[in-house]
Amino acid sequence: HGYRSSWHVDFSISIPFYHAQGFNLLLIDQRACEQSEGKFITFGV
């Protein structure tokens, strides 16, 4: 997902489509977001 967001917001609308294509989904919490640890977002680094 994106900056200071969550997969619930960024992918909620598309998840049913992806799942219907026959794929498992691993929806990660980026570091310093949601349930993942970390104090700092590092912009992908």
All heavy atoms as atom14 arrays in JSON, in Angstrom:
{
  "sequence": "HGYRSSWHVDFSISIPFYHAQGFNLLLIDQRACEQSEGKFITFGV",
  "atom14_mask": [
    [1, 1, 1, 1, 1, 1, 1, 1, 1, 1, 0, 0, 0, 0],
    [1, 1, 1, 1, 0, 0, 0, 0, 0, 0, 0, 0, 0, 0],
    [1, 1, 1, 1, 1, 1, 1, 1, 1, 1, 1, 1, 0, 0],
    [1, 1, 1, 1, 1, 1, 1, 1, 1, 1, 1, 0, 0, 0],
    [1, 1, 1, 1, 1, 1, 0, 0, 0, 0, 0, 0, 0, 0],
    [1, 1, 1, 1, 1, 1, 0, 0, 0, 0, 0, 0, 0, 0],
    [1, 1, 1, 1, 1, 1, 1, 1, 1, 1, 1, 1, 1, 1],
    [1, 1, 1, 1, 1, 1, 1, 1, 1, 1, 0, 0, 0, 0],
    [1, 1, 1, 1, 1, 1, 1, 0, 0, 0, 0, 0, 0, 0],
    [1, 1, 1, 1, 1, 1, 1, 1, 0, 0, 0, 0, 0, 0],
    [1, 1, 1, 1, 1, 1, 1, 1, 1, 1, 1, 0, 0, 0],
    [1, 1, 1, 1, 1, 1, 0, 0, 0, 0, 0, 0, 0, 0],
    [1, 1, 1, 1, 1, 1, 1, 1, 0, 0, 0, 0, 0, 0],
    [1, 1, 1, 1, 1, 1, 0, 0, 0, 0, 0, 0, 0, 0],
    [1, 1, 1, 1, 1, 1, 1, 1, 0, 0, 0, 0, 0, 0],
    [1, 1, 1, 1, 1, 1, 1, 0, 0, 0, 0, 0, 0, 0],
    [1, 1, 1, 1, 1, 1, 1, 1, 1, 1, 1, 0, 0, 0],
    [1, 1, 1, 1, 1, 1, 1, 1, 1, 1, 1, 1, 0, 0],
    [1, 1, 1, 1, 1, 1, 1, 1, 1, 1, 0, 0, 0, 0],
    [1, 1, 1, 1, 1, 0, 0, 0, 0, 0, 0, 0, 0, 0],
    [1, 1, 1, 1, 1, 1, 1, 1, 1, 0, 0, 0, 0, 0],
    [1, 1, 1, 1, 0, 0, 0, 0, 0, 0, 0, 0, 0, 0],
    [1, 1, 1, 1, 1, 1, 1, 1, 1, 1, 1, 0, 0, 0],
    [1, 1, 1, 1, 1, 1, 1, 1, 0, 0, 0, 0, 0, 0],
    [1, 1, 1, 1, 1, 1, 1, 1, 0, 0, 0, 0, 0, 0],
    [1, 1, 1, 1, 1, 1, 1, 1, 0, 0, 0, 0, 0, 0],
    [1, 1, 1, 1, 1, 1, 1, 1, 0, 0, 0, 0, 0, 0],
    [1, 1, 1, 1, 1, 1, 1, 1, 0, 0, 0, 0, 0, 0],
    [1, 1, 1, 1, 1, 1, 1, 1, 0, 0, 0, 0, 0, 0],
    [1, 1, 1, 1, 1, 1, 1, 1, 1, 0, 0, 0, 0, 0],
    [1, 1, 1, 1, 1, 1, 1, 1, 1, 1, 1, 0, 0, 0],
    [1, 1, 1, 1, 1, 0, 0, 0, 0, 0, 0, 0, 0, 0],
    [1, 1, 1, 1, 1, 1, 0, 0, 0, 0, 0, 0, 0, 0],
    [1, 1, 1, 1, 1, 1, 1, 1, 1, 0, 0, 0, 0, 0],
    [1, 1, 1, 1, 1, 1, 1, 1, 1, 0, 0, 0, 0, 0],
    [1, 1, 1, 1, 1, 1, 0, 0, 0, 0, 0, 0, 0, 0],
    [1, 1, 1, 1, 1, 1, 1, 1, 1, 0, 0, 0, 0, 0],
    [1, 1, 1, 1, 0, 0, 0, 0, 0, 0, 0, 0, 0, 0],
    [1, 1, 1, 1, 1, 1, 1, 1, 1, 0, 0, 0, 0, 0],
    [1, 1, 1, 1, 1, 1, 1, 1, 1, 1, 1, 0, 0, 0],
    [1, 1, 1, 1, 1, 1, 1, 1, 0, 0, 0, 0, 0, 0],
    [1, 1, 1, 1, 1, 1, 1, 0, 0, 0, 0, 0, 0, 0],
    [1, 1, 1, 1, 1, 1, 1, 1, 1, 1, 1, 0, 0, 0],
    [1, 1, 1, 1, 0, 0, 0, 0, 0, 0, 0, 0, 0, 0],
    [1, 1, 1, 1, 1, 1, 1, 0, 0, 0, 0, 0, 0, 0]
  ],
  "atom14_positions": [
    [[0.82, -1.21, 0.0], [0.0, 0.0, 0.0], [0.86, 1.26, 0.0], [2.08, 1.23, 0.09], [-0.95, 0.0, 1.21], [-0.24, 0.07, 2.54], [0.35, 1.21, 3.02], [-0.05, -0.89, 3.5], [0.87, 0.98, 4.22], [0.66, -0.28, 4.52], [0.0, 0.0, 0.0], [0.0, 0.0, 0.0], [0.0, 0.0, 0.0], [0.0, 0.0, 0.0]],
    [[0.18, 2.4, -0.06], [0.86, 3.67, -0.2], [1.23, 4.36, 1.1], [1.05, 3.82, 2.21], [0.0, 0.0, 0.0], [0.0, 0.0, 0.0], [0.0, 0.0, 0.0], [0.0, 0.0, 0.0], [0.0, 0.0, 0.0], [0.0, 0.0, 0.0], [0.0, 0.0, 0.0], [0.0, 0.0, 0.0], [0.0, 0.0, 0.0], [0.0, 0.0, 0.0]],
    [[1.73, 5.55, 0.96], [2.25, 6.37, 2.05], [1.18, 6.67, 3.1], [0.13, 7.21, 2.79], [2.78, 7.67, 1.46], [3.26, 8.7, 2.44], [4.47, 8.55, 3.11], [2.53, 9.85, 2.68], [4.93, 9.51, 4.0], [2.97, 10.83, 3.55], [4.17, 10.65, 4.22], [4.6, 11.61, 5.1], [0.0, 0.0, 0.0], [0.0, 0.0, 0.0]],
    [[1.47, 6.28, 4.33], [0.56, 6.5, 5.46], [-0.87, 6.07, 5.14], [-1.84, 6.7, 5.56], [0.59, 7.96, 5.91], [1.85, 8.27, 6.72], [1.84, 9.67, 7.27], [3.06, 9.88, 8.07], [3.64, 11.05, 8.26], [3.13, 12.13, 7.72], [4.72, 11.16, 9.0], [0.0, 0.0, 0.0], [0.0, 0.0, 0.0], [0.0, 0.0, 0.0]],
    [[-0.98, 4.98, 4.41], [-2.29, 4.45, 4.07], [-2.37, 3.02, 4.62], [-1.66, 2.67, 5.56], [-2.49, 4.48, 2.56], [-3.81, 4.12, 2.22], [0.0, 0.0, 0.0], [0.0, 0.0, 0.0], [0.0, 0.0, 0.0], [0.0, 0.0, 0.0], [0.0, 0.0, 0.0], [0.0, 0.0, 0.0], [0.0, 0.0, 0.0], [0.0, 0.0, 0.0]],
    [[-3.23, 2.22, 4.03], [-3.35, 0.82, 4.41], [-3.9, 0.06, 3.21], [-4.47, 0.66, 2.3], [-4.29, 0.65, 5.61], [-5.64, 0.87, 5.21], [0.0, 0.0, 0.0], [0.0, 0.0, 0.0], [0.0, 0.0, 0.0], [0.0, 0.0, 0.0], [0.0, 0.0, 0.0], [0.0, 0.0, 0.0], [0.0, 0.0, 0.0], [0.0, 0.0, 0.0]],
    [[-3.74, -1.24, 3.23], [-4.26, -2.01, 2.11], [-5.79, -1.96, 2.09], [-6.41, -2.09, 1.04], [-3.76, -3.45, 2.15], [-4.18, -4.28, 3.33], [-3.45, -4.54, 4.45], [-5.42, -4.99, 3.48], [-4.17, -5.36, 5.3], [-5.38, -5.64, 4.72], [-6.56, -5.12, 2.7], [-6.43, -6.42, 5.21], [-7.62, -5.89, 3.17], [-7.54, -6.53, 4.42]],
    [[-6.42, -1.76, 3.26], [-7.88, -1.68, 3.32], [-8.39, -0.54, 2.42], [-9.4, -0.67, 1.73], [-8.35, -1.41, 4.75], [-7.88, -2.41, 5.74], [-6.62, -2.38, 6.28], [-8.49, -3.49, 6.29], [-6.47, -3.39, 7.12], [-7.59, -4.07, 7.15], [0.0, 0.0, 0.0], [0.0, 0.0, 0.0], [0.0, 0.0, 0.0], [0.0, 0.0, 0.0]],
    [[-7.69, 0.59, 2.45], [-8.09, 1.74, 1.65], [-7.62, 1.61, 0.21], [-8.39, 1.83, -0.73], [-7.54, 3.04, 2.27], [-7.81, 4.24, 1.37], [-8.15, 3.27, 3.65], [0.0, 0.0, 0.0], [0.0, 0.0, 0.0], [0.0, 0.0, 0.0], [0.0, 0.0, 0.0], [0.0, 0.0, 0.0], [0.0, 0.0, 0.0], [0.0, 0.0, 0.0]],
    [[-6.36, 1.24, 0.02], [-5.78, 1.26, -1.32], [-6.25, 0.12, -2.22], [-6.31, 0.28, -3.45], [-4.25, 1.23, -1.23], [-3.68, 2.53, -0.7], [-4.47, 3.45, -0.43], [-2.46, 2.62, -0.56], [0.0, 0.0, 0.0], [0.0, 0.0, 0.0], [0.0, 0.0, 0.0], [0.0, 0.0, 0.0], [0.0, 0.0, 0.0], [0.0, 0.0, 0.0]],
    [[-6.59, -1.03, -1.63], [-6.9, -2.2, -2.45], [-8.28, -2.79, -2.21], [-8.64, -3.78, -2.85], [-5.85, -3.29, -2.23], [-4.45, -2.87, -2.57], [-3.44, -2.93, -1.62], [-4.13, -2.4, -3.83], [-2.14, -2.54, -1.92], [-2.84, -2.0, -4.14], [-1.84, -2.07, -3.19], [0.0, 0.0, 0.0], [0.0, 0.0, 0.0], [0.0, 0.0, 0.0]],
    [[-9.05, -2.23, -1.28], [-10.34, -2.83, -0.96], [-11.22, -3.05, -2.19], [-11.85, -4.08, -2.35], [-11.1, -1.97, 0.06], [-10.59, -2.16, 1.35], [0.0, 0.0, 0.0], [0.0, 0.0, 0.0], [0.0, 0.0, 0.0], [0.0, 0.0, 0.0], [0.0, 0.0, 0.0], [0.0, 0.0, 0.0], [0.0, 0.0, 0.0], [0.0, 0.0, 0.0]],
    [[-11.26, -2.05, -3.07], [-12.13, -2.16, -4.25], [-11.62, -3.22, -5.23], [-12.41, -3.91, -5.87], [-12.27, -0.79, -4.94], [-13.09, 0.14, -4.05], [-12.91, -0.92, -6.31], [-13.24, 1.53, -4.61], [0.0, 0.0, 0.0], [0.0, 0.0, 0.0], [0.0, 0.0, 0.0], [0.0, 0.0, 0.0], [0.0, 0.0, 0.0], [0.0, 0.0, 0.0]],
    [[-10.32, -3.38, -5.34], [-9.75, -4.3, -6.34], [-9.55, -5.72, -5.83], [-9.36, -6.63, -6.64], [-8.43, -3.75, -6.86], [-7.5, -3.55, -5.81], [0.0, 0.0, 0.0], [0.0, 0.0, 0.0], [0.0, 0.0, 0.0], [0.0, 0.0, 0.0], [0.0, 0.0, 0.0], [0.0, 0.0, 0.0], [0.0, 0.0, 0.0], [0.0, 0.0, 0.0]],
    [[-9.59, -5.93, -4.52], [-9.33, -7.27, -3.97], [-10.27, -8.33, -4.55], [-9.81, -9.4, -4.97], [-9.39, -7.25, -2.43], [-8.11, -6.62, -1.87], [-9.55, -8.67, -1.87], [-8.14, -6.4, -0.36], [0.0, 0.0, 0.0], [0.0, 0.0, 0.0], [0.0, 0.0, 0.0], [0.0, 0.0, 0.0], [0.0, 0.0, 0.0], [0.0, 0.0, 0.0]],
    [[-11.58, -8.09, -4.57], [-12.46, -9.13, -5.15], [-12.11, -9.48, -6.59], [-12.19, -10.64, -7.0], [-13.85, -8.48, -5.05], [-13.75, -7.53, -3.9], [-12.36, -6.98, -4.0], [0.0, 0.0, 0.0], [0.0, 0.0, 0.0], [0.0, 0.0, 0.0], [0.0, 0.0, 0.0], [0.0, 0.0, 0.0], [0.0, 0.0, 0.0], [0.0, 0.0, 0.0]],
    [[-11.69, -8.48, -7.38], [-11.29, -8.73, -8.78], [-10.06, -9.63, -8.82], [-10.02, -10.62, -9.56], [-11.01, -7.42, -9.49], [-10.21, -7.57, -10.75], [-10.78, -8.11, -11.9], [-8.87, -7.19, -10.79], [-10.04, -8.26, -13.06], [-8.13, -7.33, -11.95], [-8.71, -7.87, -13.09], [0.0, 0.0, 0.0], [0.0, 0.0, 0.0], [0.0, 0.0, 0.0]],
    [[-9.02, -9.27, -8.05], [-7.79, -10.06, -8.05], [-8.05, -11.49, -7.6], [-7.54, -12.45, -8.19], [-6.75, -9.42, -7.13], [-6.1, -8.17, -7.69], [-6.15, -6.97, -6.97], [-5.43, -8.19, -8.9], [-5.55, -5.82, -7.47], [-4.83, -7.04, -9.4], [-4.89, -5.86, -8.68], [-4.3, -4.73, -9.17], [0.0, 0.0, 0.0], [0.0, 0.0, 0.0]],
    [[-8.85, -11.63, -6.56], [-9.14, -12.97, -6.03], [-9.91, -13.79, -7.05], [-9.66, -14.99, -7.21], [-9.93, -12.84, -4.72], [-9.94, -14.09, -3.91], [-10.98, -14.99, -3.95], [-9.03, -14.6, -3.03], [-10.73, -16.0, -3.12], [-9.55, -15.78, -2.55], [0.0, 0.0, 0.0], [0.0, 0.0, 0.0], [0.0, 0.0, 0.0], [0.0, 0.0, 0.0]],
    [[-10.81, -13.14, -7.79], [-11.6, -13.83, -8.81], [-10.74, -14.3, -9.97], [-11.14, -15.21, -10.72], [-12.71, -12.93, -9.31], [0.0, 0.0, 0.0], [0.0, 0.0, 0.0], [0.0, 0.0, 0.0], [0.0, 0.0, 0.0], [0.0, 0.0, 0.0], [0.0, 0.0, 0.0], [0.0, 0.0, 0.0], [0.0, 0.0, 0.0], [0.0, 0.0, 0.0]],
    [[-9.56, -13.69, -10.15], [-8.64, -14.12, -11.22], [-7.89, -15.4, -10.84], [-7.14, -15.93, -11.64], [-7.63, -13.02, -11.53], [-8.24, -11.7, -11.97], [-9.21, -11.87, -13.12], [-8.86, -12.41, -14.16], [-10.44, -11.42, -12.92], [0.0, 0.0, 0.0], [0.0, 0.0, 0.0], [0.0, 0.0, 0.0], [0.0, 0.0, 0.0], [0.0, 0.0, 0.0]],
    [[-8.1, -15.87, -9.6], [-7.48, -17.11, -9.16], [-6.15, -16.93, -8.46], [-5.29, -17.83, -8.53], [0.0, 0.0, 0.0], [0.0, 0.0, 0.0], [0.0, 0.0, 0.0], [0.0, 0.0, 0.0], [0.0, 0.0, 0.0], [0.0, 0.0, 0.0], [0.0, 0.0, 0.0], [0.0, 0.0, 0.0], [0.0, 0.0, 0.0], [0.0, 0.0, 0.0]],
    [[-5.97, -15.82, -7.77], [-4.71, -15.55, -7.08], [-4.89, -15.43, -5.57], [-5.89, -14.85, -5.1], [-4.09, -14.24, -7.59], [-3.52, -14.35, -8.98], [-4.31, -14.1, -10.09], [-2.19, -14.72, -9.17], [-3.8, -14.2, -11.37], [-1.66, -14.82, -10.45], [-2.46, -14.57, -11.55], [0.0, 0.0, 0.0], [0.0, 0.0, 0.0], [0.0, 0.0, 0.0]],
    [[-3.92, -16.0, -4.84], [-3.8, -15.66, -3.43], [-3.38, -14.2, -3.33], [-2.75, -13.65, -4.25], [-2.72, -16.49, -2.74], [-2.94, -17.98, -2.84], [-4.06, -18.45, -2.72], [-1.86, -18.72, -3.05], [0.0, 0.0, 0.0], [0.0, 0.0, 0.0], [0.0, 0.0, 0.0], [0.0, 0.0, 0.0], [0.0, 0.0, 0.0], [0.0, 0.0, 0.0]],
    [[-3.67, -13.57, -2.19], [-3.27, -12.18, -1.96], [-2.5, -12.08, -0.65], [-3.01, -12.49, 0.39], [-4.5, -11.27, -1.9], [-5.47, -11.34, -3.08], [-6.7, -10.48, -2.81], [-4.79, -10.91, -4.37], [0.0, 0.0, 0.0], [0.0, 0.0, 0.0], [0.0, 0.0, 0.0], [0.0, 0.0, 0.0], [0.0, 0.0, 0.0], [0.0, 0.0, 0.0]],
    [[-1.3, -11.55, -0.71], [-0.54, -11.25, 0.5], [-0.51, -9.72, 0.62], [0.22, -9.03, -0.09], [0.88, -11.8, 0.42], [1.71, -11.57, 1.7], [1.12, -12.35, 2.87], [3.17, -11.96, 1.49], [0.0, 0.0, 0.0], [0.0, 0.0, 0.0], [0.0, 0.0, 0.0], [0.0, 0.0, 0.0], [0.0, 0.0, 0.0], [0.0, 0.0, 0.0]],
    [[-1.34, -9.2, 1.51], [-1.51, -7.75, 1.68], [-0.69, -7.3, 2.87], [-1.05, -7.53, 4.02], [-3.0, -7.45, 1.89], [-3.88, -7.88, 0.71], [-5.29, -8.17, 1.15], [-3.88, -6.82, -0.37], [0.0, 0.0, 0.0], [0.0, 0.0, 0.0], [0.0, 0.0, 0.0], [0.0, 0.0, 0.0], [0.0, 0.0, 0.0], [0.0, 0.0, 0.0]],
    [[0.44, -6.69, 2.6], [1.38, -6.37, 3.67], [1.06, -5.02, 4.31], [0.55, -4.11, 3.68], [2.84, -6.38, 3.16], [3.09, -5.21, 2.18], [3.17, -7.71, 2.48], [4.56, -5.09, 1.77], [0.0, 0.0, 0.0], [0.0, 0.0, 0.0], [0.0, 0.0, 0.0], [0.0, 0.0, 0.0], [0.0, 0.0, 0.0], [0.0, 0.0, 0.0]],
    [[1.36, -4.94, 5.6], [1.39, -3.65, 6.3], [2.8, -3.11, 6.16], [3.75, -3.72, 6.67], [1.05, -3.81, 7.78], [-0.39, -4.22, 8.03], [-1.22, -4.04, 7.12], [-0.68, -4.71, 9.14], [0.0, 0.0, 0.0], [0.0, 0.0, 0.0], [0.0, 0.0, 0.0], [0.0, 0.0, 0.0], [0.0, 0.0, 0.0], [0.0, 0.0, 0.0]],
    [[2.97, -2.01, 5.45], [4.3, -1.43, 5.32], [4.86, -1.06, 6.71], [4.1, -0.78, 7.63], [4.25, -0.18, 4.45], [3.83, -0.43, 3.01], [5.0, -0.54, 2.05], [6.0, -1.21, 2.34], [4.89, 0.08, 0.91], [0.0, 0.0, 0.0], [0.0, 0.0, 0.0], [0.0, 0.0, 0.0], [0.0, 0.0, 0.0], [0.0, 0.0, 0.0]],
    [[6.17, -1.08, 6.84], [6.78, -0.72, 8.12], [6.28, 0.66, 8.58], [6.01, 1.55, 7.78], [8.31, -0.73, 8.03], [8.89, 0.26, 7.05], [10.39, 0.35, 7.15], [11.04, -0.95, 7.06], [12.14, -1.3, 7.73], [12.74, -0.41, 8.51], [12.67, -2.48, 7.59], [0.0, 0.0, 0.0], [0.0, 0.0, 0.0], [0.0, 0.0, 0.0]],
    [[6.12, 0.79, 9.89], [5.61, 2.02, 10.51], [4.16, 2.29, 10.15], [3.68, 3.42, 10.24], [6.48, 3.22, 10.17], [0.0, 0.0, 0.0], [0.0, 0.0, 0.0], [0.0, 0.0, 0.0], [0.0, 0.0, 0.0], [0.0, 0.0, 0.0], [0.0, 0.0, 0.0], [0.0, 0.0, 0.0], [0.0, 0.0, 0.0], [0.0, 0.0, 0.0]],
    [[3.44, 1.25, 9.72], [2.02, 1.37, 9.4], [1.27, 0.16, 9.97], [1.8, -0.95, 10.03], [1.78, 1.42, 7.89], [2.48, 2.86, 7.05], [0.0, 0.0, 0.0], [0.0, 0.0, 0.0], [0.0, 0.0, 0.0], [0.0, 0.0, 0.0], [0.0, 0.0, 0.0], [0.0, 0.0, 0.0], [0.0, 0.0, 0.0], [0.0, 0.0, 0.0]],
    [[0.03, 0.42, 10.41], [-0.83, -0.65, 10.88], [-0.13, -1.52, 11.94], [0.42, -1.0, 12.9], [-1.32, -1.49, 9.7], [-2.22, -0.75, 8.75], [-3.57, -0.39, 9.35], [-4.15, -1.21, 10.07], [-4.03, 0.73, 9.1], [0.0, 0.0, 0.0], [0.0, 0.0, 0.0], [0.0, 0.0, 0.0], [0.0, 0.0, 0.0], [0.0, 0.0, 0.0]],
    [[-0.1, -2.85, 11.73], [0.44, -3.74, 12.75], [1.95, -3.99, 12.61], [2.53, -4.69, 13.44], [-0.3, -5.08, 12.72], [-1.78, -4.97, 13.06], [-2.45, -6.32, 13.13], [-2.15, -7.17, 13.98], [-3.4, -6.54, 12.21], [0.0, 0.0, 0.0], [0.0, 0.0, 0.0], [0.0, 0.0, 0.0], [0.0, 0.0, 0.0], [0.0, 0.0, 0.0]],
    [[2.56, -3.46, 11.58], [4.01, -3.63, 11.42], [4.76, -2.61, 12.27], [4.33, -1.46, 12.42], [4.41, -3.47, 9.96], [3.97, -4.56, 9.18], [0.0, 0.0, 0.0], [0.0, 0.0, 0.0], [0.0, 0.0, 0.0], [0.0, 0.0, 0.0], [0.0, 0.0, 0.0], [0.0, 0.0, 0.0], [0.0, 0.0, 0.0], [0.0, 0.0, 0.0]],
    [[5.89, -3.04, 12.82], [6.68, -2.17, 13.67], [7.47, -1.16, 12.85], [7.59, -1.27, 11.63], [7.65, -3.01, 14.51], [6.97, -3.86, 15.57], [7.95, -4.63, 16.42], [9.12, -4.77, 16.01], [7.55, -5.11, 17.49], [0.0, 0.0, 0.0], [0.0, 0.0, 0.0], [0.0, 0.0, 0.0], [0.0, 0.0, 0.0], [0.0, 0.0, 0.0]],
    [[8.03, -0.18, 13.56], [8.86, 0.84, 12.94], [8.39, 2.22, 13.32], [7.19, 2.48, 13.41], [0.0, 0.0, 0.0], [0.0, 0.0, 0.0], [0.0, 0.0, 0.0], [0.0, 0.0, 0.0], [0.0, 0.0, 0.0], [0.0, 0.0, 0.0], [0.0, 0.0, 0.0], [0.0, 0.0, 0.0], [0.0, 0.0, 0.0], [0.0, 0.0, 0.0]],
    [[9.35, 3.12, 13.54], [9.02, 4.51, 13.88], [9.03, 5.41, 12.65], [8.41, 6.48, 12.66], [10.04, 5.05, 14.89], [9.96, 4.41, 16.26], [10.97, 5.04, 17.2], [10.9, 4.42, 18.58], [11.9, 5.01, 19.52], [0.0, 0.0, 0.0], [0.0, 0.0, 0.0], [0.0, 0.0, 0.0], [0.0, 0.0, 0.0], [0.0, 0.0, 0.0]],
    [[9.75, 4.98, 11.6], [9.94, 5.86, 10.46], [9.56, 5.19, 9.14], [9.9, 4.03, 8.89], [11.4, 6.32, 10.36], [11.85, 7.15, 11.53], [12.59, 6.56, 12.55], [11.55, 8.5, 11.61], [13.02, 7.32, 13.63], [11.98, 9.26, 12.69], [12.71, 8.67, 13.71], [0.0, 0.0, 0.0], [0.0, 0.0, 0.0], [0.0, 0.0, 0.0]],
    [[8.86, 5.94, 8.3], [8.63, 5.57, 6.91], [9.87, 6.0, 6.12], [10.41, 7.08, 6.34], [7.38, 6.3, 6.37], [6.14, 5.81, 7.1], [7.24, 6.1, 4.86], [4.92, 6.66, 6.84], [0.0, 0.0, 0.0], [0.0, 0.0, 0.0], [0.0, 0.0, 0.0], [0.0, 0.0, 0.0], [0.0, 0.0, 0.0], [0.0, 0.0, 0.0]],
    [[10.33, 5.15, 5.22], [11.56, 5.47, 4.48], [11.34, 5.57, 2.96], [12.27, 5.47, 2.18], [12.67, 4.44, 4.78], [12.35, 3.18, 4.18], [12.86, 4.25, 6.27], [0.0, 0.0, 0.0], [0.0, 0.0, 0.0], [0.0, 0.0, 0.0], [0.0, 0.0, 0.0], [0.0, 0.0, 0.0], [0.0, 0.0, 0.0], [0.0, 0.0, 0.0]],
    [[10.09, 5.78, 2.55], [9.77, 6.08, 1.15], [10.25, 5.0, 0.17], [10.62, 5.3, -0.96], [10.31, 7.44, 0.75], [9.61, 8.58, 1.44], [9.95, 8.97, 2.71], [8.57, 9.25, 0.79], [9.28, 10.0, 3.36], [7.9, 10.28, 1.43], [8.25, 10.66, 2.72], [0.0, 0.0, 0.0], [0.0, 0.0, 0.0], [0.0, 0.0, 0.0]],
    [[10.25, 3.76, 0.62], [10.61, 2.64, -0.25], [12.03, 2.15, -0.09], [12.36, 1.03, -0.51], [0.0, 0.0, 0.0], [0.0, 0.0, 0.0], [0.0, 0.0, 0.0], [0.0, 0.0, 0.0], [0.0, 0.0, 0.0], [0.0, 0.0, 0.0], [0.0, 0.0, 0.0], [0.0, 0.0, 0.0], [0.0, 0.0, 0.0], [0.0, 0.0, 0.0]],
    [[12.89, 2.94, 0.54], [14.31, 2.57, 0.63], [14.5, 1.3, 1.46], [15.17, 0.35, 1.03], [15.14, 3.73, 1.22], [16.58, 3.3, 1.44], [15.09, 4.94, 0.28], [0.0, 0.0, 0.0], [0.0, 0.0, 0.0], [0.0, 0.0, 0.0], [0.0, 0.0, 0.0], [0.0, 0.0, 0.0], [0.0, 0.0, 0.0], [0.0, 0.0, 0.0]]
  ]
}
